[in-house]
Amino acid sequence: MLILLLLPDLNYFRNSGKEPLRQTLKQFYKDPNIYENANFQLYQQNEMLKVQNFNFIEKNKDLINEELEKKLTSLNSSLIDVQKENIYLKELVDQYSKLIKNIENCSESWINLKVPC
């Protein structure tokens, strides 16, 4: 944060596009020691921001993985319910098919053989 106090007008030069940041720093600091110190502070801030970004990326990955796990668990549960329903419906269709077949057989027996069902 020290660098921000030393360079109050730096944003003007950086955002204006007229001069690169390095030349602006050289103009503000004629003394090479001060310039190198400011440059080093910017480097340190940049490295800290890199670490923060990496931590944010890892945290986001963890959050995404947790959310994905929840959705996959929910989807799996739904698929299991659908499979159970399909099994039930298949058994029901089989029962109705047998019933229809028995009715047809009984009707044929009654007509052809005159045997009661």
Protein backbone atom coordinates (compact mmCIF):
# COMPACT_ATOMS: atom_id res chain seq x y z
CA MET A 1 0.00 0.00 0.00
CA LEU A 2 3.01 2.28 0.40
CA ILE A 3 3.37 2.55 -3.36
CA LEU A 4 -0.13 3.98 -3.67
CA LEU A 5 0.75 6.77 -1.25
CA LEU A 6 3.91 7.58 -3.16
CA LEU A 7 2.16 7.73 -6.55
CA PRO A 8 -1.09 9.66 -6.17
CA ASP A 9 -1.39 10.55 -9.88
CA LEU A 10 -0.26 7.20 -11.27
CA ASN A 11 -3.80 6.15 -12.23
CA TYR A 12 -4.06 9.15 -14.53
CA PHE A 13 -0.97 8.10 -16.47
CA ARG A 14 -1.84 4.42 -16.46
CA ASN A 15 -5.39 4.98 -17.68
CA SER A 16 -4.58 7.72 -20.18
CA GLY A 17 -2.57 5.38 -22.40
CA LYS A 18 -0.08 8.17 -23.13
CA GLU A 19 2.86 6.68 -21.24
CA PRO A 20 3.77 3.18 -20.09
CA LEU A 21 3.89 2.55 -16.37
CA ARG A 22 7.66 2.09 -16.32
CA GLN A 23 8.34 5.48 -17.90
CA THR A 24 5.88 7.09 -15.52
CA LEU A 25 7.71 5.60 -12.56
CA LYS A 26 11.02 6.90 -13.90
CA GLN A 27 9.56 10.38 -14.20
CA PHE A 28 8.26 10.32 -10.64
CA TYR A 29 11.50 8.96 -9.19
CA LYS A 30 14.76 10.45 -10.36
CA ASP A 31 16.60 8.62 -7.60
CA PRO A 32 17.26 5.03 -8.80
CA ASN A 33 17.01 3.63 -5.26
CA ILE A 34 13.51 5.01 -4.81
CA TYR A 35 12.55 3.78 -8.29
CA GLU A 36 13.88 0.29 -7.57
CA ASN A 37 12.10 0.23 -4.21
CA ALA A 38 8.80 1.22 -5.83
CA ASN A 39 9.34 -1.34 -8.57
CA PHE A 40 10.06 -4.03 -5.98
CA GLN A 41 6.91 -3.08 -4.04
CA LEU A 42 4.87 -3.43 -7.22
CA TYR A 43 6.48 -6.82 -7.83
CA GLN A 44 5.61 -7.94 -4.28
CA GLN A 45 2.02 -6.77 -4.67
CA ASN A 46 1.80 -8.61 -7.97
CA GLU A 47 3.06 -11.82 -6.36
CA MET A 48 0.56 -11.48 -3.50
CA LEU A 49 -2.25 -10.99 -6.03
CA LYS A 50 -1.12 -14.11 -7.88
CA VAL A 51 -1.34 -16.12 -4.65
CA GLN A 52 -4.78 -14.67 -3.88
CA ASN A 53 -5.97 -15.53 -7.38
CA PHE A 54 -4.69 -19.07 -7.04
CA ASN A 55 -6.49 -19.41 -3.69
CA PHE A 56 -9.71 -18.07 -5.22
CA ILE A 57 -9.41 -20.54 -8.10
CA GLU A 58 -8.93 -23.45 -5.69
CA LYS A 59 -11.85 -22.31 -3.55
CA ASN A 60 -14.04 -22.00 -6.66
CA LYS A 61 -13.00 -25.48 -7.77
CA ASP A 62 -14.00 -26.87 -4.37
CA LEU A 63 -17.36 -25.09 -4.48
CA ILE A 64 -18.02 -26.29 -8.02
CA ASN A 65 -17.10 -29.86 -7.05
CA GLU A 66 -19.43 -29.76 -4.05
CA GLU A 67 -22.29 -28.41 -6.15
CA LEU A 68 -21.63 -30.98 -8.86
CA GLU A 69 -21.59 -33.78 -6.27
CA LYS A 70 -24.97 -32.63 -4.91
CA LYS A 71 -26.48 -32.52 -8.39
CA LEU A 72 -25.08 -35.93 -9.33
CA THR A 73 -26.42 -37.45 -6.11
CA SER A 74 -29.84 -35.96 -6.79
CA LEU A 75 -29.78 -37.18 -10.38
CA ASN A 76 -28.75 -40.67 -9.28
CA SER A 77 -31.60 -40.77 -6.78
CA SER A 78 -34.05 -39.70 -9.48
CA LEU A 79 -32.76 -42.38 -11.84
CA ILE A 80 -33.18 -45.03 -9.16
CA ASP A 81 -36.78 -43.89 -8.62
CA VAL A 82 -37.43 -44.04 -12.37
CA GLN A 83 -35.98 -47.55 -12.54
CA LYS A 84 -38.23 -48.69 -9.69
CA GLU A 85 -41.24 -47.19 -11.45
CA ASN A 86 -40.26 -48.91 -14.71
CA ILE A 87 -39.98 -52.28 -12.97
CA TYR A 88 -43.39 -51.78 -11.37
CA LEU A 89 -44.96 -50.79 -14.70
CA LYS A 90 -43.36 -53.74 -16.50
CA GLU A 91 -44.78 -56.13 -13.90
CA LEU A 92 -48.18 -54.48 -14.24
CA VAL A 93 -48.08 -54.79 -18.04
CA ASP A 94 -47.09 -58.45 -17.68
CA GLN A 95 -50.04 -59.06 -15.37
CA TYR A 96 -52.47 -57.37 -17.77
CA SER A 97 -50.99 -59.30 -20.68
CA LYS A 98 -51.56 -62.60 -18.83
CA LEU A 99 -55.08 -61.52 -17.94
CA ILE A 100 -55.87 -60.65 -21.55
CA LYS A 101 -54.40 -63.93 -22.74
CA ASN A 102 -56.44 -65.86 -20.16
CA ILE A 103 -59.61 -64.05 -21.24
CA GLU A 104 -58.89 -64.85 -24.89
CA ASN A 105 -58.19 -68.50 -24.06
CA CYS A 106 -61.34 -68.71 -21.98
CA SER A 107 -63.41 -67.19 -24.76
CA GLU A 108 -62.01 -69.61 -27.32
CA SER A 109 -62.59 -72.54 -25.00
CA TRP A 110 -66.13 -71.47 -24.39
CA ILE A 111 -66.89 -71.07 -28.05
CA ASN A 112 -65.04 -74.10 -29.41
CA LEU A 113 -65.26 -76.62 -26.64
CA LYS A 114 -68.23 -75.39 -24.77
CA VAL A 115 -66.17 -75.70 -21.59
CA PRO A 116 -66.80 -73.19 -18.85
CA CYS A 117 -63.88 -71.08 -17.80
